[in-house]
Amino acid sequence: MEKLNRDQIHNRMAARVAQDIPEGAYVNLGIGLPTLVANHLPQSKEIFLHSENGLLGMGPAPAAGQEDFDLINAGKQPVTLLAGGAYFHSADSFAMMRGGHLDVAVLGAFQVSVAGDLANWHTGGADAIPAVGGAMDLAIGAKKTYVMMEHLTKSGLSKIVAVCTYPLTGIACVSRIYTDLAVIDVTPAGLKVVEMFGGIGFEELQTLSGVALLS
């Protein structure tokens, strides 16, 4: 298998997600890995990035030394605003999310089930965030929900599971999963492998995933 460092792998994942975002889409990038997608969207496409704290029209991350900490995303990271971008009240932002006005939400996850159930806000740890926040609104409100996550936990367990054991964010909401090992569609027939990375074979991916996959 190829040897890439963690940042290279994460950026490859982000670039792969960016390929699937169509012209004219309104997109929310969740906290964590999904924020990297903004840096890989082609300038040739007009894509509108939304943040639940009240921004529409975000651009890529600012250059070092050019950060404006009054301009941040929902994860409190400094962002840029493209020409024509807008600020608005968080109530209006959540109305966009809940009203079906977002085409795509790209979210991180702790677990995704074979049925497309999503668990991405709580693991039971003492330092876990206290509430689900806007994640459930995004997962259910967006027309498509993509998950971007590492395939395995730090202990080597698959994050793709038969049934989620962590508290759910949304039920049957995930349509596509992007990991460091593969792109996988959630379909009525099961999990279908679309693409694999790093020289991994289907049988190895199947073993690491621990759930049935379709080739």
N, C-alpha and C. Protein backbone atom coordinates (compact mmCIF):
# COMPACT_ATOMS: atom_id res chain seq x y z
N MET A 1 0.84 -1.20 0.00
CA MET A 1 0.00 0.00 0.00
C MET A 1 0.88 1.25 0.00
N GLU A 2 0.35 2.34 -0.58
CA GLU A 2 1.12 3.56 -0.68
C GLU A 2 1.37 4.17 0.70
N LYS A 3 2.44 4.96 0.78
CA LYS A 3 2.81 5.59 2.03
C LYS A 3 2.54 7.09 1.94
N LEU A 4 1.48 7.53 2.57
CA LEU A 4 1.16 8.95 2.65
C LEU A 4 1.03 9.32 4.11
N ASN A 5 1.37 10.57 4.44
CA ASN A 5 1.17 10.98 5.83
C ASN A 5 -0.30 11.34 6.05
N ARG A 6 -0.65 11.57 7.28
CA ARG A 6 -2.05 11.78 7.66
C ARG A 6 -2.67 12.97 6.94
N ASP A 7 -1.92 14.08 6.85
CA ASP A 7 -2.45 15.26 6.17
C ASP A 7 -2.68 15.00 4.69
N GLN A 8 -1.77 14.28 4.05
CA GLN A 8 -1.94 13.95 2.64
C GLN A 8 -3.18 13.08 2.42
N ILE A 9 -3.38 12.13 3.31
CA ILE A 9 -4.55 11.25 3.20
C ILE A 9 -5.84 12.04 3.37
N HIS A 10 -5.86 12.91 4.36
CA HIS A 10 -7.07 13.70 4.61
C HIS A 10 -7.36 14.63 3.44
N ASN A 11 -6.33 15.21 2.86
CA ASN A 11 -6.54 16.10 1.72
C ASN A 11 -6.98 15.33 0.48
N ARG A 12 -6.50 14.10 0.32
CA ARG A 12 -6.98 13.28 -0.78
C ARG A 12 -8.47 12.98 -0.60
N MET A 13 -8.86 12.67 0.62
CA MET A 13 -10.27 12.43 0.89
C MET A 13 -11.10 13.67 0.55
N ALA A 14 -10.62 14.83 0.98
CA ALA A 14 -11.35 16.07 0.74
C ALA A 14 -11.48 16.36 -0.75
N ALA A 15 -10.41 16.11 -1.49
CA ALA A 15 -10.44 16.34 -2.93
C ALA A 15 -11.43 15.40 -3.61
N ARG A 16 -11.51 14.17 -3.10
CA ARG A 16 -12.45 13.20 -3.69
C ARG A 16 -13.90 13.62 -3.42
N VAL A 17 -14.17 14.12 -2.22
CA VAL A 17 -15.52 14.63 -1.93
C VAL A 17 -15.84 15.79 -2.85
N ALA A 18 -14.88 16.70 -3.01
CA ALA A 18 -15.09 17.90 -3.83
C ALA A 18 -15.48 17.53 -5.26
N GLN A 19 -14.96 16.42 -5.78
CA GLN A 19 -15.30 15.99 -7.14
C GLN A 19 -16.80 15.74 -7.31
N ASP A 20 -17.47 15.34 -6.25
CA ASP A 20 -18.88 14.94 -6.33
C ASP A 20 -19.85 16.08 -6.03
N ILE A 21 -19.35 17.27 -5.78
CA ILE A 21 -20.23 18.41 -5.49
C ILE A 21 -20.50 19.15 -6.79
N PRO A 22 -21.76 19.22 -7.21
CA PRO A 22 -22.06 19.76 -8.53
C PRO A 22 -22.11 21.29 -8.57
N GLU A 23 -22.01 21.80 -9.76
CA GLU A 23 -22.15 23.23 -10.03
C GLU A 23 -23.46 23.75 -9.43
N GLY A 24 -23.38 24.89 -8.74
CA GLY A 24 -24.57 25.55 -8.22
C GLY A 24 -25.09 24.99 -6.92
N ALA A 25 -24.38 24.03 -6.32
CA ALA A 25 -24.88 23.39 -5.09
C ALA A 25 -24.70 24.30 -3.88
N TYR A 26 -25.64 24.18 -2.96
CA TYR A 26 -25.55 24.82 -1.64
C TYR A 26 -25.13 23.73 -0.66
N VAL A 27 -24.00 23.94 0.01
CA VAL A 27 -23.32 22.85 0.72
C VAL A 27 -22.92 23.30 2.12
N ASN A 28 -23.16 22.44 3.10
CA ASN A 28 -22.63 22.66 4.45
C ASN A 28 -21.51 21.67 4.71
N LEU A 29 -20.38 22.17 5.18
CA LEU A 29 -19.24 21.33 5.54
C LEU A 29 -19.16 21.26 7.06
N GLY A 30 -19.32 20.06 7.60
CA GLY A 30 -19.34 19.89 9.05
C GLY A 30 -17.99 20.13 9.70
N ILE A 31 -18.00 20.15 11.01
CA ILE A 31 -16.80 20.37 11.81
C ILE A 31 -15.82 19.22 11.62
N GLY A 32 -14.53 19.53 11.61
CA GLY A 32 -13.50 18.50 11.49
C GLY A 32 -13.04 18.31 10.06
N LEU A 33 -12.84 17.06 9.66
CA LEU A 33 -12.32 16.74 8.33
C LEU A 33 -13.10 17.41 7.20
N PRO A 34 -14.43 17.47 7.24
CA PRO A 34 -15.15 18.06 6.10
C PRO A 34 -14.75 19.49 5.76
N THR A 35 -14.24 20.25 6.71
CA THR A 35 -13.86 21.64 6.39
C THR A 35 -12.76 21.69 5.34
N LEU A 36 -11.98 20.62 5.20
CA LEU A 36 -10.91 20.59 4.21
C LEU A 36 -11.45 20.62 2.78
N VAL A 37 -12.69 20.22 2.59
CA VAL A 37 -13.27 20.17 1.25
C VAL A 37 -13.25 21.55 0.60
N ALA A 38 -13.42 22.60 1.40
CA ALA A 38 -13.44 23.97 0.86
C ALA A 38 -12.16 24.30 0.10
N ASN A 39 -11.05 23.71 0.51
CA ASN A 39 -9.77 24.00 -0.12
C ASN A 39 -9.58 23.28 -1.45
N HIS A 40 -10.50 22.39 -1.80
CA HIS A 40 -10.35 21.57 -3.00
C HIS A 40 -11.46 21.79 -4.02
N LEU A 41 -12.35 22.72 -3.77
CA LEU A 41 -13.41 23.01 -4.73
C LEU A 41 -12.83 23.80 -5.90
N PRO A 42 -13.06 23.36 -7.12
CA PRO A 42 -12.48 24.07 -8.27
C PRO A 42 -13.09 25.45 -8.46
N GLN A 43 -12.25 26.41 -8.83
CA GLN A 43 -12.74 27.77 -9.06
C GLN A 43 -13.67 27.83 -10.27
N SER A 44 -13.60 26.82 -11.11
CA SER A 44 -14.45 26.79 -12.30
C SER A 44 -15.91 26.49 -11.98
N LYS A 45 -16.17 26.00 -10.77
CA LYS A 45 -17.54 25.71 -10.34
C LYS A 45 -18.01 26.78 -9.35
N GLU A 46 -19.25 27.22 -9.51
CA GLU A 46 -19.86 28.12 -8.52
C GLU A 46 -20.60 27.25 -7.51
N ILE A 47 -20.04 27.19 -6.31
CA ILE A 47 -20.60 26.38 -5.22
C ILE A 47 -20.73 27.28 -4.00
N PHE A 48 -21.85 27.20 -3.31
CA PHE A 48 -22.14 28.10 -2.19
C PHE A 48 -21.99 27.34 -0.88
N LEU A 49 -20.99 27.70 -0.09
CA LEU A 49 -20.75 27.03 1.18
C LEU A 49 -21.47 27.75 2.32
N HIS A 50 -22.16 26.97 3.12
CA HIS A 50 -23.01 27.45 4.20
C HIS A 50 -22.44 27.02 5.54
N SER A 51 -22.57 27.88 6.55
CA SER A 51 -22.21 27.52 7.92
C SER A 51 -23.37 27.84 8.83
N GLU A 52 -23.69 26.92 9.76
CA GLU A 52 -24.90 27.08 10.55
C GLU A 52 -24.87 28.26 11.52
N ASN A 53 -23.68 28.85 11.73
CA ASN A 53 -23.65 30.05 12.57
C ASN A 53 -24.02 31.31 11.80
N GLY A 54 -24.38 31.18 10.52
CA GLY A 54 -24.92 32.32 9.78
C GLY A 54 -24.06 32.86 8.68
N LEU A 55 -23.50 31.98 7.84
CA LEU A 55 -22.69 32.42 6.71
C LEU A 55 -23.12 31.67 5.46
N LEU A 56 -23.10 32.36 4.34
CA LEU A 56 -23.30 31.73 3.04
C LEU A 56 -22.33 32.38 2.06
N GLY A 57 -21.58 31.55 1.37
CA GLY A 57 -20.58 32.07 0.44
C GLY A 57 -19.18 32.03 0.99
N MET A 58 -18.88 31.04 1.84
CA MET A 58 -17.52 30.90 2.37
C MET A 58 -16.56 30.44 1.29
N GLY A 59 -15.30 30.87 1.44
CA GLY A 59 -14.25 30.42 0.54
C GLY A 59 -13.31 29.47 1.25
N PRO A 60 -12.11 29.28 0.70
CA PRO A 60 -11.12 28.40 1.34
C PRO A 60 -10.58 29.01 2.63
N ALA A 61 -9.82 28.21 3.37
CA ALA A 61 -9.21 28.70 4.60
C ALA A 61 -8.28 29.88 4.30
N PRO A 62 -8.19 30.86 5.19
CA PRO A 62 -7.31 32.00 4.95
C PRO A 62 -5.84 31.60 5.03
N ALA A 63 -5.00 32.36 4.34
CA ALA A 63 -3.56 32.13 4.42
C ALA A 63 -3.07 32.47 5.83
N ALA A 64 -1.99 31.83 6.24
CA ALA A 64 -1.41 32.10 7.57
C ALA A 64 -1.10 33.59 7.70
N GLY A 65 -1.54 34.17 8.80
CA GLY A 65 -1.34 35.59 9.05
C GLY A 65 -2.46 36.46 8.52
N GLN A 66 -3.38 35.87 7.75
CA GLN A 66 -4.49 36.64 7.18
C GLN A 66 -5.82 36.30 7.85
N GLU A 67 -5.78 35.60 8.97
CA GLU A 67 -7.02 35.19 9.64
C GLU A 67 -7.76 36.38 10.25
N ASP A 68 -9.06 36.35 10.17
CA ASP A 68 -9.93 37.32 10.83
C ASP A 68 -10.80 36.53 11.80
N PHE A 69 -10.52 36.64 13.10
CA PHE A 69 -11.23 35.80 14.06
C PHE A 69 -12.63 36.31 14.40
N ASP A 70 -13.06 37.36 13.71
CA ASP A 70 -14.47 37.74 13.74
C ASP A 70 -15.23 37.05 12.61
N LEU A 71 -14.50 36.36 11.73
CA LEU A 71 -15.11 35.63 10.62
C LEU A 71 -14.75 34.16 10.78
N ILE A 72 -15.66 33.41 11.38
CA ILE A 72 -15.38 32.01 11.72
C ILE A 72 -16.54 31.11 11.28
N ASN A 73 -16.24 29.83 11.17
CA ASN A 73 -17.29 28.86 10.88
C ASN A 73 -17.85 28.29 12.17
N ALA A 74 -18.71 27.28 12.07
CA ALA A 74 -19.36 26.73 13.25
C ALA A 74 -18.38 26.04 14.19
N GLY A 75 -17.22 25.65 13.67
CA GLY A 75 -16.18 25.04 14.50
C GLY A 75 -15.19 26.05 15.06
N LYS A 76 -15.52 27.35 14.92
CA LYS A 76 -14.70 28.46 15.42
C LYS A 76 -13.35 28.56 14.70
N GLN A 77 -13.28 28.03 13.48
CA GLN A 77 -12.08 28.18 12.67
C GLN A 77 -12.24 29.43 11.79
N PRO A 78 -11.18 30.21 11.62
CA PRO A 78 -11.27 31.37 10.72
C PRO A 78 -11.50 30.92 9.28
N VAL A 79 -12.35 31.65 8.57
CA VAL A 79 -12.67 31.32 7.19
C VAL A 79 -12.57 32.58 6.34
N THR A 80 -12.75 32.43 5.05
CA THR A 80 -12.84 33.58 4.15
C THR A 80 -14.26 33.67 3.61
N LEU A 81 -14.60 34.85 3.11
CA LEU A 81 -15.92 35.06 2.53
C LEU A 81 -15.72 35.54 1.09
N LEU A 82 -16.33 34.86 0.15
CA LEU A 82 -16.20 35.22 -1.26
C LEU A 82 -17.07 36.43 -1.59
N ALA A 83 -16.78 37.06 -2.72
CA ALA A 83 -17.60 38.19 -3.19
C ALA A 83 -19.04 37.73 -3.31
N GLY A 84 -19.96 38.51 -2.75
CA GLY A 84 -21.37 38.14 -2.77
C GLY A 84 -21.80 37.33 -1.57
N GLY A 85 -20.86 36.96 -0.70
CA GLY A 85 -21.19 36.21 0.50
C GLY A 85 -22.04 37.03 1.46
N ALA A 86 -22.69 36.33 2.40
CA ALA A 86 -23.62 37.01 3.30
C ALA A 86 -23.52 36.48 4.72
N TYR A 87 -23.81 37.38 5.68
CA TYR A 87 -23.95 37.02 7.09
C TYR A 87 -25.43 37.15 7.45
N PHE A 88 -25.91 36.30 8.35
CA PHE A 88 -27.31 36.41 8.77
C PHE A 88 -27.48 35.72 10.12
N HIS A 89 -28.66 35.89 10.69
CA HIS A 89 -28.96 35.34 12.01
C HIS A 89 -28.95 33.81 11.97
N SER A 90 -28.54 33.19 13.08
CA SER A 90 -28.50 31.73 13.12
C SER A 90 -29.88 31.11 12.96
N ALA A 91 -30.94 31.84 13.35
CA ALA A 91 -32.29 31.32 13.16
C ALA A 91 -32.60 31.17 11.67
N ASP A 92 -32.15 32.13 10.86
CA ASP A 92 -32.34 32.02 9.41
C ASP A 92 -31.51 30.87 8.85
N SER A 93 -30.32 30.71 9.42
CA SER A 93 -29.44 29.63 8.98
C SER A 93 -30.08 28.26 9.23
N PHE A 94 -30.65 28.08 10.41
CA PHE A 94 -31.30 26.81 10.72
C PHE A 94 -32.58 26.62 9.90
N ALA A 95 -33.24 27.71 9.52
CA ALA A 95 -34.40 27.59 8.64
C ALA A 95 -33.97 27.06 7.27
N MET A 96 -32.80 27.47 6.81
CA MET A 96 -32.27 26.92 5.56
C MET A 96 -32.02 25.42 5.69
N MET A 97 -31.42 25.04 6.82
CA MET A 97 -31.09 23.63 7.04
C MET A 97 -32.34 22.78 7.16
N ARG A 98 -33.30 23.22 7.94
CA ARG A 98 -34.49 22.43 8.21
C ARG A 98 -35.49 22.47 7.06
N GLY A 99 -35.37 23.50 6.22
CA GLY A 99 -36.34 23.68 5.14
C GLY A 99 -35.97 22.98 3.85
N GLY A 100 -34.89 22.20 3.85
CA GLY A 100 -34.51 21.47 2.66
C GLY A 100 -33.83 22.32 1.60
N HIS A 101 -33.20 23.41 2.01
CA HIS A 101 -32.58 24.32 1.05
C HIS A 101 -31.11 24.00 0.77
N LEU A 102 -30.53 23.05 1.50
CA LEU A 102 -29.15 22.65 1.25
C LEU A 102 -29.14 21.40 0.38
N ASP A 103 -28.29 21.42 -0.63
CA ASP A 103 -28.19 20.27 -1.52
C ASP A 103 -27.37 19.14 -0.91
N VAL A 104 -26.28 19.51 -0.23
CA VAL A 104 -25.36 18.51 0.32
C VAL A 104 -24.89 18.94 1.70
N ALA A 105 -24.84 18.00 2.62
CA ALA A 105 -24.14 18.18 3.90
C ALA A 105 -23.02 17.16 3.95
N VAL A 106 -21.81 17.62 4.23
CA VAL A 106 -20.66 16.72 4.39
C VAL A 106 -20.31 16.70 5.87
N LEU A 107 -20.48 15.55 6.52
CA LEU A 107 -20.34 15.45 7.96
C LEU A 107 -19.29 14.41 8.33
N GLY A 108 -18.64 14.61 9.46
CA GLY A 108 -17.80 13.58 10.03
C GLY A 108 -18.66 12.57 10.77
N ALA A 109 -18.05 11.47 11.21
CA ALA A 109 -18.84 10.45 11.91
C ALA A 109 -17.96 9.61 12.82
N PHE A 110 -18.58 9.11 13.88
CA PHE A 110 -17.98 8.07 14.72
C PHE A 110 -18.38 6.69 14.19
N GLN A 111 -19.63 6.61 13.69
CA GLN A 111 -20.13 5.35 13.13
C GLN A 111 -21.16 5.65 12.04
N VAL A 112 -21.17 4.80 11.02
CA VAL A 112 -22.25 4.77 10.03
C VAL A 112 -22.69 3.32 9.89
N SER A 113 -23.99 3.08 9.92
CA SER A 113 -24.50 1.70 9.81
C SER A 113 -24.73 1.33 8.35
N VAL A 114 -24.95 0.04 8.12
CA VAL A 114 -25.22 -0.44 6.77
C VAL A 114 -26.52 0.15 6.22
N ALA A 115 -27.41 0.59 7.10
CA ALA A 115 -28.67 1.21 6.67
C ALA A 115 -28.53 2.71 6.45
N GLY A 116 -27.32 3.26 6.67
CA GLY A 116 -27.13 4.69 6.51
C GLY A 116 -27.46 5.51 7.73
N ASP A 117 -27.61 4.85 8.89
CA ASP A 117 -27.79 5.59 10.14
C ASP A 117 -26.47 6.26 10.51
N LEU A 118 -26.56 7.44 11.10
CA LEU A 118 -25.37 8.24 11.42
C LEU A 118 -25.26 8.49 12.92
N ALA A 119 -24.08 8.26 13.47
CA ALA A 119 -23.76 8.62 14.85
C ALA A 119 -22.50 9.47 14.81
N ASN A 120 -22.63 10.75 15.12
CA ASN A 120 -21.45 11.62 14.98
C ASN A 120 -21.30 12.68 16.05
N TRP A 121 -22.03 12.51 17.18
CA TRP A 121 -21.93 13.60 18.15
C TRP A 121 -21.53 13.13 19.55
N HIS A 122 -21.64 11.86 19.87
CA HIS A 122 -21.40 11.44 21.26
C HIS A 122 -20.88 10.01 21.30
N THR A 123 -19.80 9.82 22.07
CA THR A 123 -19.25 8.47 22.23
C THR A 123 -19.37 7.98 23.66
N GLY A 124 -19.93 8.79 24.53
CA GLY A 124 -20.04 8.42 25.93
C GLY A 124 -18.83 8.83 26.75
N GLY A 125 -17.84 9.43 26.09
CA GLY A 125 -16.64 9.85 26.80
C GLY A 125 -16.91 11.03 27.72
N ALA A 126 -16.06 11.17 28.73
CA ALA A 126 -16.24 12.24 29.71
C ALA A 126 -16.08 13.61 29.09
N ASP A 127 -15.30 13.71 28.01
CA ASP A 127 -15.05 15.00 27.36
C ASP A 127 -15.93 15.21 26.14
N ALA A 128 -16.97 14.39 25.97
CA ALA A 128 -17.84 14.50 24.80
C ALA A 128 -18.65 15.78 24.86
N ILE A 129 -18.99 16.30 23.68
CA ILE A 129 -19.82 17.51 23.65
C ILE A 129 -21.19 17.19 24.25
N PRO A 130 -21.86 18.18 24.85
CA PRO A 130 -23.07 17.89 25.63
C PRO A 130 -24.35 17.70 24.83
N ALA A 131 -24.36 18.08 23.54
CA ALA A 131 -25.60 18.00 22.78
C ALA A 131 -25.30 17.83 21.30
N VAL A 132 -26.30 17.41 20.55
CA VAL A 132 -26.10 17.10 19.13
C VAL A 132 -25.90 18.35 18.29
N GLY A 133 -26.38 19.51 18.73
CA GLY A 133 -26.19 20.74 17.97
C GLY A 133 -26.92 20.69 16.65
N GLY A 134 -26.30 21.28 15.61
CA GLY A 134 -26.95 21.36 14.31
C GLY A 134 -26.78 20.14 13.45
N ALA A 135 -26.05 19.14 13.93
CA ALA A 135 -25.75 17.97 13.10
C ALA A 135 -27.01 17.24 12.65
N MET A 136 -27.98 17.09 13.55
CA MET A 136 -29.18 16.34 13.16
C MET A 136 -30.00 17.12 12.14
N ASP A 137 -30.00 18.45 12.25
CA ASP A 137 -30.73 19.27 11.29
C ASP A 137 -30.10 19.14 9.90
N LEU A 138 -28.78 19.10 9.86
CA LEU A 138 -28.07 18.95 8.60
C LEU A 138 -28.28 17.56 8.01
N ALA A 139 -28.14 16.53 8.86
CA ALA A 139 -28.23 15.15 8.39
C ALA A 139 -29.58 14.85 7.77
N ILE A 140 -30.63 15.40 8.33
CA ILE A 140 -31.98 15.13 7.85
C ILE A 140 -32.46 16.18 6.85
N GLY A 141 -31.99 17.41 7.02
CA GLY A 141 -32.50 18.51 6.19
C GLY A 141 -31.88 18.59 4.81
N ALA A 142 -30.60 18.19 4.67
CA ALA A 142 -29.94 18.28 3.37
C ALA A 142 -30.50 17.23 2.41
N LYS A 143 -30.49 17.55 1.13
CA LYS A 143 -31.00 16.61 0.13
C LYS A 143 -30.12 15.36 0.05
N LYS A 144 -28.81 15.54 0.25
CA LYS A 144 -27.88 14.42 0.31
C LYS A 144 -26.93 14.63 1.48
N THR A 145 -26.66 13.57 2.23
CA THR A 145 -25.70 13.63 3.33
C THR A 145 -24.54 12.70 3.00
N TYR A 146 -23.36 13.30 2.90
CA TYR A 146 -22.13 12.54 2.70
C TYR A 146 -21.37 12.49 4.02
N VAL A 147 -20.75 11.37 4.29
CA VAL A 147 -19.90 11.24 5.48
C VAL A 147 -18.45 11.13 5.04
N MET A 148 -17.60 11.89 5.70
CA MET A 148 -16.15 11.87 5.45
C MET A 148 -15.48 11.51 6.77
N MET A 149 -14.83 10.34 6.81
CA MET A 149 -14.24 9.87 8.06
C MET A 149 -13.12 8.87 7.76
N GLU A 150 -12.25 8.65 8.73
CA GLU A 150 -11.29 7.56 8.60
C GLU A 150 -12.05 6.24 8.73
N HIS A 151 -11.56 5.24 8.01
CA HIS A 151 -12.28 3.96 7.96
C HIS A 151 -12.27 3.24 9.30
N LEU A 152 -11.15 3.36 10.03
CA LEU A 152 -10.97 2.63 11.28
C LEU A 152 -10.77 3.58 12.45
N THR A 153 -11.15 3.13 13.64
CA THR A 153 -10.85 3.87 14.86
C THR A 153 -9.36 3.74 15.19
N LYS A 154 -8.91 4.47 16.17
CA LYS A 154 -7.50 4.38 16.59
C LYS A 154 -7.15 2.98 17.08
N SER A 155 -8.14 2.25 17.55
CA SER A 155 -7.90 0.89 18.02
C SER A 155 -8.09 -0.15 16.92
N GLY A 156 -8.35 0.30 15.69
CA GLY A 156 -8.43 -0.61 14.56
C GLY A 156 -9.79 -1.19 14.28
N LEU A 157 -10.83 -0.65 14.90
CA LEU A 157 -12.19 -1.13 14.65
C LEU A 157 -12.84 -0.34 13.51
N SER A 158 -13.69 -1.01 12.76
CA SER A 158 -14.37 -0.34 11.66
C SER A 158 -15.39 0.67 12.17
N LYS A 159 -15.42 1.84 11.54
CA LYS A 159 -16.44 2.82 11.85
C LYS A 159 -17.72 2.56 11.05
N ILE A 160 -17.63 1.69 10.08
CA ILE A 160 -18.82 1.22 9.36
C ILE A 160 -19.29 -0.04 10.07
N VAL A 161 -20.51 -0.02 10.56
CA VAL A 161 -20.98 -1.08 11.46
C VAL A 161 -22.34 -1.60 11.02
N ALA A 162 -22.69 -2.77 11.52
CA ALA A 162 -24.01 -3.33 11.23
C ALA A 162 -25.10 -2.47 11.86
N VAL A 163 -24.90 -2.10 13.12
CA VAL A 163 -25.85 -1.25 13.86
C VAL A 163 -25.03 -0.28 14.70
N CYS A 164 -25.39 0.98 14.68
CA CYS A 164 -24.67 1.98 15.49
C CYS A 164 -24.87 1.70 16.97
N THR A 165 -23.79 1.78 17.72
CA THR A 165 -23.87 1.60 19.17
C THR A 165 -23.78 2.93 19.91
N TYR A 166 -23.47 4.00 19.21
CA TYR A 166 -23.47 5.34 19.80
C TYR A 166 -24.82 6.01 19.54
N PRO A 167 -25.15 7.06 20.31
CA PRO A 167 -26.42 7.75 20.09
C PRO A 167 -26.52 8.26 18.65
N LEU A 168 -27.69 8.10 18.04
CA LEU A 168 -27.86 8.45 16.64
C LEU A 168 -28.04 9.96 16.44
N THR A 169 -27.50 10.41 15.33
CA THR A 169 -27.72 11.77 14.85
C THR A 169 -28.90 11.79 13.89
N GLY A 170 -28.95 10.78 13.02
CA GLY A 170 -30.03 10.66 12.05
C GLY A 170 -30.19 9.22 11.61
N ILE A 171 -31.39 8.88 11.18
CA ILE A 171 -31.71 7.52 10.75
C ILE A 171 -31.79 7.47 9.22
N ALA A 172 -31.08 6.51 8.64
CA ALA A 172 -31.11 6.27 7.19
C ALA A 172 -30.92 7.55 6.39
N CYS A 173 -29.96 8.36 6.81
CA CYS A 173 -29.75 9.67 6.18
C CYS A 173 -28.51 9.74 5.30
N VAL A 174 -27.57 8.81 5.46
CA VAL A 174 -26.30 8.86 4.74
C VAL A 174 -26.45 8.21 3.37
N SER A 175 -26.01 8.91 2.33
CA SER A 175 -26.09 8.34 0.98
C SER A 175 -24.74 7.87 0.46
N ARG A 176 -23.65 8.49 0.91
CA ARG A 176 -22.32 8.08 0.45
C ARG A 176 -21.30 8.28 1.58
N ILE A 177 -20.35 7.34 1.68
CA ILE A 177 -19.30 7.38 2.70
C ILE A 177 -17.95 7.50 2.00
N TYR A 178 -17.15 8.47 2.46
CA TYR A 178 -15.80 8.67 1.94
C TYR A 178 -14.82 8.39 3.08
N THR A 179 -13.94 7.43 2.91
CA THR A 179 -12.93 7.14 3.93
C THR A 179 -11.54 7.20 3.29
N ASP A 180 -10.53 6.95 4.11
CA ASP A 180 -9.17 6.90 3.60
C ASP A 180 -8.92 5.65 2.76
N LEU A 181 -9.86 4.69 2.81
CA LEU A 181 -9.68 3.44 2.07
C LEU A 181 -10.61 3.31 0.87
N ALA A 182 -11.77 3.95 0.91
CA ALA A 182 -12.76 3.70 -0.14
C ALA A 182 -13.85 4.76 -0.18
N VAL A 183 -14.57 4.77 -1.30
CA VAL A 183 -15.84 5.49 -1.43
C VAL A 183 -16.92 4.41 -1.51
N ILE A 184 -17.94 4.54 -0.68
CA ILE A 184 -18.96 3.49 -0.56
C ILE A 184 -20.34 4.13 -0.58
N ASP A 185 -21.20 3.63 -1.45
CA ASP A 185 -22.59 4.11 -1.51
C ASP A 185 -23.47 3.28 -0.59
N VAL A 186 -24.40 3.95 0.08
CA VAL A 186 -25.44 3.27 0.87
C VAL A 186 -26.63 3.08 -0.06
N THR A 187 -26.95 1.84 -0.37
CA THR A 187 -28.04 1.54 -1.31
C THR A 187 -29.05 0.62 -0.63
N PRO A 188 -30.26 0.49 -1.20
CA PRO A 188 -31.25 -0.44 -0.63
C PRO A 188 -30.74 -1.89 -0.60
N ALA A 189 -29.82 -2.22 -1.50
CA ALA A 189 -29.30 -3.59 -1.54
C ALA A 189 -28.14 -3.81 -0.58
N GLY A 190 -27.58 -2.71 -0.05
CA GLY A 190 -26.43 -2.82 0.85
C GLY A 190 -25.37 -1.79 0.52
N LEU A 191 -24.19 -1.96 1.08
CA LEU A 191 -23.09 -1.02 0.89
C LEU A 191 -22.30 -1.40 -0.35
N LYS A 192 -22.31 -0.51 -1.34
CA LYS A 192 -21.65 -0.78 -2.62
C LYS A 192 -20.36 0.00 -2.73
N VAL A 193 -19.26 -0.69 -2.95
CA VAL A 193 -17.95 -0.05 -3.09
C VAL A 193 -17.85 0.60 -4.46
N VAL A 194 -17.60 1.91 -4.48
CA VAL A 194 -17.49 2.68 -5.71
C VAL A 194 -16.03 2.80 -6.15
N GLU A 195 -15.14 2.96 -5.17
CA GLU A 195 -13.73 3.22 -5.46
C GLU A 195 -12.91 2.81 -4.24
N MET A 196 -11.67 2.35 -4.48
CA MET A 196 -10.75 2.00 -3.40
C MET A 196 -9.43 2.73 -3.60
N PHE A 197 -8.72 2.98 -2.50
CA PHE A 197 -7.50 3.77 -2.55
C PHE A 197 -6.31 3.01 -1.99
N GLY A 198 -5.12 3.49 -2.36
CA GLY A 198 -3.89 3.02 -1.73
C GLY A 198 -3.51 1.60 -2.05
N GLY A 199 -4.07 1.04 -3.15
CA GLY A 199 -3.72 -0.31 -3.52
C GLY A 199 -4.44 -1.39 -2.74
N ILE A 200 -5.42 -1.00 -1.92
CA ILE A 200 -6.16 -2.01 -1.15
C ILE A 200 -7.06 -2.81 -2.09
N GLY A 201 -7.21 -4.10 -1.82
CA GLY A 201 -8.11 -4.95 -2.60
C GLY A 201 -9.45 -5.09 -1.93
N PHE A 202 -10.42 -5.61 -2.68
CA PHE A 202 -11.78 -5.72 -2.15
C PHE A 202 -11.84 -6.64 -0.94
N GLU A 203 -11.15 -7.77 -1.00
CA GLU A 203 -11.22 -8.73 0.11
C GLU A 203 -10.65 -8.13 1.39
N GLU A 204 -9.55 -7.38 1.26
CA GLU A 204 -8.97 -6.74 2.45
C GLU A 204 -9.91 -5.68 3.00
N LEU A 205 -10.50 -4.90 2.10
CA LEU A 205 -11.47 -3.88 2.53
C LEU A 205 -12.64 -4.54 3.25
N GLN A 206 -13.11 -5.65 2.69
CA GLN A 206 -14.21 -6.40 3.31
C GLN A 206 -13.84 -6.85 4.73
N THR A 207 -12.63 -7.38 4.89
CA THR A 207 -12.18 -7.85 6.19
C THR A 207 -12.08 -6.71 7.20
N LEU A 208 -11.50 -5.59 6.77
CA LEU A 208 -11.33 -4.45 7.66
C LEU A 208 -12.68 -3.83 8.04
N SER A 209 -13.63 -3.88 7.13
CA SER A 209 -14.93 -3.25 7.38
C SER A 209 -15.80 -4.06 8.33
N GLY A 210 -15.69 -5.38 8.26
CA GLY A 210 -16.45 -6.21 9.19
C GLY A 210 -17.93 -6.30 8.90
N VAL A 211 -18.38 -5.73 7.78
CA VAL A 211 -19.77 -5.85 7.34
C VAL A 211 -19.76 -6.23 5.87
N ALA A 212 -20.87 -6.75 5.38
CA ALA A 212 -20.95 -7.17 3.99
C ALA A 212 -20.86 -5.98 3.05
N LEU A 213 -20.01 -6.09 2.04
CA LEU A 213 -19.87 -5.05 1.02
C LEU A 213 -20.21 -5.63 -0.35
N LEU A 214 -20.70 -4.79 -1.23
CA LEU A 214 -20.99 -5.18 -2.61
C LEU A 214 -19.92 -4.60 -3.52
N SER A 215 -19.40 -5.41 -4.43
CA SER A 215 -18.37 -4.92 -5.36
C SER A 215 -19.03 -4.33 -6.62
